[in-house]
Amino acid sequence: MEVSRLNPRSFLKYWFLLLVAQILGCALIWVAVLILSPALDSLFEKMVFFYWPTIMLVGKLLGTSGESAMIAVPIYGMALGMLLYSAIISLLVNYIKTRSR
């Protein structure tokens, strides 16, 4: 895909929509797990495993240990994953849109 064919406005639109969708999805899962804790713990596990590659990357880069690794690394890893996954999917959507024209 040529960079010149990438529509920056469309890319940012889809990136932002995907980012908001991921944030809202994670927030809804967190609230649901807090309210119905034992029944929905598997949803929280699936959400963490979805962002596992970026969580591990952040853990390796920061080199944390102890309690900071239990709290900061998953939060930063999930944030990085949201940004990265939104950008990747937005690029794919733009690529598909340019190919269909």
N, C-alpha and C. Protein backbone atom coordinates (compact mmCIF):
# COMPACT_ATOMS: atom_id res chain seq x y z
N MET A 1 0.85 -1.18 0.00
CA MET A 1 0.00 0.00 0.00
C MET A 1 0.89 1.23 0.00
N GLU A 2 0.64 2.08 -0.94
CA GLU A 2 1.42 3.30 -1.03
C GLU A 2 0.96 4.29 0.02
N VAL A 3 1.92 4.99 0.57
CA VAL A 3 1.57 5.99 1.58
C VAL A 3 0.77 7.12 0.96
N SER A 4 1.04 7.42 -0.29
CA SER A 4 0.33 8.52 -0.93
C SER A 4 -1.14 8.21 -1.14
N ARG A 5 -1.52 6.91 -1.18
CA ARG A 5 -2.91 6.54 -1.38
C ARG A 5 -3.67 6.50 -0.06
N LEU A 6 -2.98 6.60 1.04
CA LEU A 6 -3.63 6.57 2.35
C LEU A 6 -4.33 7.90 2.60
N ASN A 7 -5.61 7.82 2.91
CA ASN A 7 -6.38 9.02 3.21
C ASN A 7 -6.24 9.30 4.70
N PRO A 8 -5.49 10.34 5.09
CA PRO A 8 -5.26 10.60 6.51
C PRO A 8 -6.54 10.88 7.29
N ARG A 9 -7.46 11.55 6.66
CA ARG A 9 -8.71 11.88 7.36
C ARG A 9 -9.51 10.61 7.67
N SER A 10 -9.59 9.73 6.69
CA SER A 10 -10.30 8.47 6.88
C SER A 10 -9.58 7.60 7.91
N PHE A 11 -8.25 7.58 7.84
CA PHE A 11 -7.47 6.80 8.80
C PHE A 11 -7.74 7.26 10.22
N LEU A 12 -7.66 8.57 10.44
CA LEU A 12 -7.89 9.10 11.79
C LEU A 12 -9.32 8.88 12.26
N LYS A 13 -10.28 8.96 11.35
CA LYS A 13 -11.68 8.73 11.71
C LYS A 13 -11.86 7.30 12.22
N TYR A 14 -11.39 6.33 11.44
CA TYR A 14 -11.54 4.93 11.85
C TYR A 14 -10.69 4.61 13.08
N TRP A 15 -9.51 5.19 13.17
CA TRP A 15 -8.64 4.97 14.33
C TRP A 15 -9.33 5.44 15.60
N PHE A 16 -9.91 6.63 15.53
CA PHE A 16 -10.59 7.18 16.71
C PHE A 16 -11.82 6.36 17.07
N LEU A 17 -12.63 5.97 16.07
CA LEU A 17 -13.81 5.16 16.35
C LEU A 17 -13.45 3.81 16.95
N LEU A 18 -12.41 3.19 16.43
CA LEU A 18 -11.98 1.90 16.97
C LEU A 18 -11.41 2.05 18.38
N LEU A 19 -10.69 3.12 18.62
CA LEU A 19 -10.13 3.36 19.95
C LEU A 19 -11.25 3.57 20.97
N VAL A 20 -12.24 4.37 20.62
CA VAL A 20 -13.37 4.61 21.53
C VAL A 20 -14.13 3.31 21.77
N ALA A 21 -14.32 2.51 20.71
CA ALA A 21 -15.03 1.24 20.86
C ALA A 21 -14.29 0.30 21.82
N GLN A 22 -12.96 0.25 21.71
CA GLN A 22 -12.19 -0.61 22.61
C GLN A 22 -12.23 -0.10 24.05
N ILE A 23 -12.14 1.20 24.23
CA ILE A 23 -12.19 1.76 25.58
C ILE A 23 -13.54 1.49 26.21
N LEU A 24 -14.62 1.72 25.45
CA LEU A 24 -15.96 1.46 25.99
C LEU A 24 -16.16 -0.03 26.26
N GLY A 25 -15.67 -0.88 25.37
CA GLY A 25 -15.80 -2.31 25.58
C GLY A 25 -15.08 -2.76 26.84
N CYS A 26 -13.86 -2.28 27.04
CA CYS A 26 -13.11 -2.64 28.25
C CYS A 26 -13.79 -2.09 29.50
N ALA A 27 -14.29 -0.87 29.43
CA ALA A 27 -14.97 -0.28 30.58
C ALA A 27 -16.23 -1.07 30.92
N LEU A 28 -16.99 -1.47 29.91
CA LEU A 28 -18.20 -2.27 30.16
C LEU A 28 -17.86 -3.62 30.76
N ILE A 29 -16.80 -4.24 30.28
CA ILE A 29 -16.39 -5.53 30.85
C ILE A 29 -15.95 -5.35 32.29
N TRP A 30 -15.17 -4.28 32.58
CA TRP A 30 -14.72 -4.05 33.95
C TRP A 30 -15.91 -3.85 34.89
N VAL A 31 -16.88 -3.04 34.46
CA VAL A 31 -18.06 -2.78 35.30
C VAL A 31 -18.85 -4.07 35.50
N ALA A 32 -19.04 -4.83 34.43
CA ALA A 32 -19.80 -6.08 34.54
C ALA A 32 -19.09 -7.07 35.46
N VAL A 33 -17.78 -7.12 35.37
CA VAL A 33 -17.02 -8.04 36.25
C VAL A 33 -17.12 -7.59 37.70
N LEU A 34 -17.10 -6.30 37.94
CA LEU A 34 -17.22 -5.81 39.31
C LEU A 34 -18.60 -6.09 39.89
N ILE A 35 -19.62 -5.98 39.07
CA ILE A 35 -20.98 -6.19 39.55
C ILE A 35 -21.29 -7.68 39.72
N LEU A 36 -20.95 -8.47 38.71
CA LEU A 36 -21.26 -9.90 38.71
C LEU A 36 -19.96 -10.71 38.74
N SER A 37 -19.13 -10.46 39.72
CA SER A 37 -17.76 -10.95 39.74
C SER A 37 -17.56 -12.43 39.41
N PRO A 38 -18.11 -13.36 40.13
CA PRO A 38 -17.74 -14.75 39.84
C PRO A 38 -18.23 -15.23 38.48
N ALA A 39 -19.36 -14.72 38.04
CA ALA A 39 -19.95 -15.22 36.80
C ALA A 39 -19.23 -14.74 35.55
N LEU A 40 -18.63 -13.56 35.60
CA LEU A 40 -18.04 -12.96 34.39
C LEU A 40 -16.53 -12.84 34.44
N ASP A 41 -15.87 -13.55 35.33
CA ASP A 41 -14.41 -13.47 35.39
C ASP A 41 -13.75 -13.92 34.10
N SER A 42 -14.37 -14.85 33.39
CA SER A 42 -13.78 -15.33 32.14
C SER A 42 -13.74 -14.23 31.08
N LEU A 43 -14.69 -13.29 31.10
CA LEU A 43 -14.65 -12.17 30.17
C LEU A 43 -13.43 -11.30 30.42
N PHE A 44 -13.13 -11.05 31.67
CA PHE A 44 -11.96 -10.25 32.01
C PHE A 44 -10.68 -10.96 31.56
N GLU A 45 -10.62 -12.28 31.76
CA GLU A 45 -9.46 -13.04 31.32
C GLU A 45 -9.29 -12.97 29.81
N LYS A 46 -10.39 -13.07 29.07
CA LYS A 46 -10.31 -12.99 27.61
C LYS A 46 -9.85 -11.61 27.16
N MET A 47 -10.30 -10.58 27.85
CA MET A 47 -9.88 -9.23 27.51
C MET A 47 -8.38 -9.06 27.74
N VAL A 48 -7.88 -9.58 28.85
CA VAL A 48 -6.45 -9.48 29.13
C VAL A 48 -5.65 -10.29 28.11
N PHE A 49 -6.10 -11.47 27.75
CA PHE A 49 -5.38 -12.29 26.77
C PHE A 49 -5.40 -11.66 25.39
N PHE A 50 -6.42 -10.88 25.05
CA PHE A 50 -6.47 -10.19 23.77
C PHE A 50 -5.33 -9.18 23.66
N TYR A 51 -5.01 -8.53 24.77
CA TYR A 51 -3.93 -7.54 24.79
C TYR A 51 -2.62 -8.12 25.32
N TRP A 52 -2.54 -9.42 25.48
CA TRP A 52 -1.36 -10.05 26.07
C TRP A 52 -0.04 -9.73 25.35
N PRO A 53 0.01 -9.72 24.00
CA PRO A 53 1.29 -9.40 23.35
C PRO A 53 1.83 -8.03 23.73
N THR A 54 0.95 -7.02 23.80
CA THR A 54 1.45 -5.69 24.15
C THR A 54 1.73 -5.58 25.65
N ILE A 55 1.02 -6.33 26.46
CA ILE A 55 1.32 -6.35 27.89
C ILE A 55 2.72 -6.93 28.12
N MET A 56 3.04 -8.01 27.42
CA MET A 56 4.36 -8.62 27.55
C MET A 56 5.45 -7.69 27.01
N LEU A 57 5.17 -6.99 25.91
CA LEU A 57 6.14 -6.04 25.35
C LEU A 57 6.44 -4.93 26.34
N VAL A 58 5.41 -4.37 26.94
CA VAL A 58 5.61 -3.31 27.93
C VAL A 58 6.38 -3.84 29.14
N GLY A 59 6.06 -5.06 29.57
CA GLY A 59 6.76 -5.65 30.70
C GLY A 59 8.24 -5.82 30.42
N LYS A 60 8.58 -6.25 29.20
CA LYS A 60 9.99 -6.42 28.83
C LYS A 60 10.70 -5.07 28.72
N LEU A 61 10.03 -4.09 28.14
CA LEU A 61 10.66 -2.79 27.95
C LEU A 61 10.88 -2.05 29.27
N LEU A 62 9.89 -2.14 30.18
CA LEU A 62 10.02 -1.44 31.45
C LEU A 62 10.86 -2.20 32.46
N GLY A 63 10.93 -3.52 32.31
CA GLY A 63 11.71 -4.32 33.25
C GLY A 63 11.22 -4.22 34.68
N THR A 64 9.92 -4.18 34.86
CA THR A 64 9.35 -4.01 36.19
C THR A 64 9.30 -5.34 36.94
N SER A 65 9.15 -5.22 38.25
CA SER A 65 9.00 -6.42 39.08
C SER A 65 8.16 -6.06 40.30
N GLY A 66 7.61 -7.05 40.94
CA GLY A 66 6.82 -6.83 42.15
C GLY A 66 5.46 -6.26 41.86
N GLU A 67 4.98 -5.41 42.76
CA GLU A 67 3.64 -4.89 42.64
C GLU A 67 3.47 -3.97 41.43
N SER A 68 4.51 -3.26 41.05
CA SER A 68 4.39 -2.38 39.88
C SER A 68 4.15 -3.20 38.61
N ALA A 69 4.67 -4.41 38.55
CA ALA A 69 4.44 -5.26 37.39
C ALA A 69 3.01 -5.79 37.36
N MET A 70 2.38 -5.89 38.52
CA MET A 70 1.01 -6.42 38.56
C MET A 70 -0.01 -5.36 38.15
N ILE A 71 0.30 -4.10 38.34
CA ILE A 71 -0.68 -3.06 38.09
C ILE A 71 -0.32 -2.22 36.87
N ALA A 72 0.87 -1.66 36.84
CA ALA A 72 1.24 -0.73 35.78
C ALA A 72 1.39 -1.42 34.43
N VAL A 73 2.01 -2.57 34.39
CA VAL A 73 2.28 -3.23 33.11
C VAL A 73 0.99 -3.59 32.37
N PRO A 74 0.01 -4.23 33.01
CA PRO A 74 -1.24 -4.50 32.26
C PRO A 74 -1.97 -3.25 31.80
N ILE A 75 -1.96 -2.21 32.61
CA ILE A 75 -2.65 -0.98 32.22
C ILE A 75 -1.94 -0.32 31.04
N TYR A 76 -0.62 -0.18 31.12
CA TYR A 76 0.13 0.41 30.00
C TYR A 76 0.09 -0.50 28.78
N GLY A 77 0.16 -1.79 28.99
CA GLY A 77 0.11 -2.73 27.87
C GLY A 77 -1.23 -2.71 27.16
N MET A 78 -2.30 -2.62 27.93
CA MET A 78 -3.62 -2.56 27.30
C MET A 78 -3.80 -1.23 26.57
N ALA A 79 -3.29 -0.15 27.13
CA ALA A 79 -3.38 1.15 26.44
C ALA A 79 -2.59 1.11 25.13
N LEU A 80 -1.38 0.56 25.17
CA LEU A 80 -0.60 0.44 23.95
C LEU A 80 -1.30 -0.46 22.95
N GLY A 81 -1.89 -1.55 23.43
CA GLY A 81 -2.62 -2.46 22.56
C GLY A 81 -3.81 -1.78 21.89
N MET A 82 -4.52 -0.97 22.64
CA MET A 82 -5.66 -0.25 22.06
C MET A 82 -5.21 0.68 20.95
N LEU A 83 -4.13 1.42 21.20
CA LEU A 83 -3.61 2.33 20.17
C LEU A 83 -3.12 1.56 18.95
N LEU A 84 -2.37 0.49 19.20
CA LEU A 84 -1.78 -0.29 18.11
C LEU A 84 -2.84 -1.03 17.31
N TYR A 85 -3.76 -1.71 17.98
CA TYR A 85 -4.80 -2.46 17.28
C TYR A 85 -5.71 -1.53 16.49
N SER A 86 -6.00 -0.36 17.04
CA SER A 86 -6.83 0.61 16.31
C SER A 86 -6.13 1.08 15.04
N ALA A 87 -4.83 1.32 15.13
CA ALA A 87 -4.08 1.76 13.95
C ALA A 87 -4.01 0.66 12.90
N ILE A 88 -3.76 -0.57 13.32
CA ILE A 88 -3.66 -1.67 12.36
C ILE A 88 -4.99 -1.90 11.65
N ILE A 89 -6.06 -1.95 12.40
CA ILE A 89 -7.37 -2.19 11.79
C ILE A 89 -7.78 -1.01 10.91
N SER A 90 -7.44 0.21 11.33
CA SER A 90 -7.74 1.38 10.52
C SER A 90 -6.98 1.34 9.20
N LEU A 91 -5.71 0.92 9.24
CA LEU A 91 -4.95 0.78 8.00
C LEU A 91 -5.58 -0.28 7.09
N LEU A 92 -6.02 -1.39 7.67
CA LEU A 92 -6.67 -2.43 6.87
C LEU A 92 -7.96 -1.93 6.24
N VAL A 93 -8.76 -1.19 6.99
CA VAL A 93 -10.00 -0.65 6.45
C VAL A 93 -9.70 0.31 5.31
N ASN A 94 -8.72 1.17 5.48
CA ASN A 94 -8.35 2.11 4.42
C ASN A 94 -7.84 1.37 3.18
N TYR A 95 -7.06 0.33 3.41
CA TYR A 95 -6.54 -0.45 2.29
C TYR A 95 -7.68 -1.11 1.52
N ILE A 96 -8.62 -1.70 2.23
CA ILE A 96 -9.76 -2.35 1.59
C ILE A 96 -10.62 -1.32 0.84
N LYS A 97 -10.80 -0.14 1.43
CA LYS A 97 -11.58 0.89 0.77
C LYS A 97 -10.90 1.39 -0.51
N THR A 98 -9.57 1.52 -0.50
CA THR A 98 -8.88 1.98 -1.70
C THR A 98 -8.85 0.90 -2.77
N ARG A 99 -8.82 -0.37 -2.37
CA ARG A 99 -8.81 -1.47 -3.34
C ARG A 99 -10.18 -1.63 -4.01
N SER A 100 -11.25 -1.27 -3.31
CA SER A 100 -12.59 -1.46 -3.86
C SER A 100 -13.00 -0.33 -4.81
N ARG A 101 -12.23 0.73 -4.84
CA ARG A 101 -12.58 1.87 -5.74
C ARG A 101 -12.20 1.59 -7.16
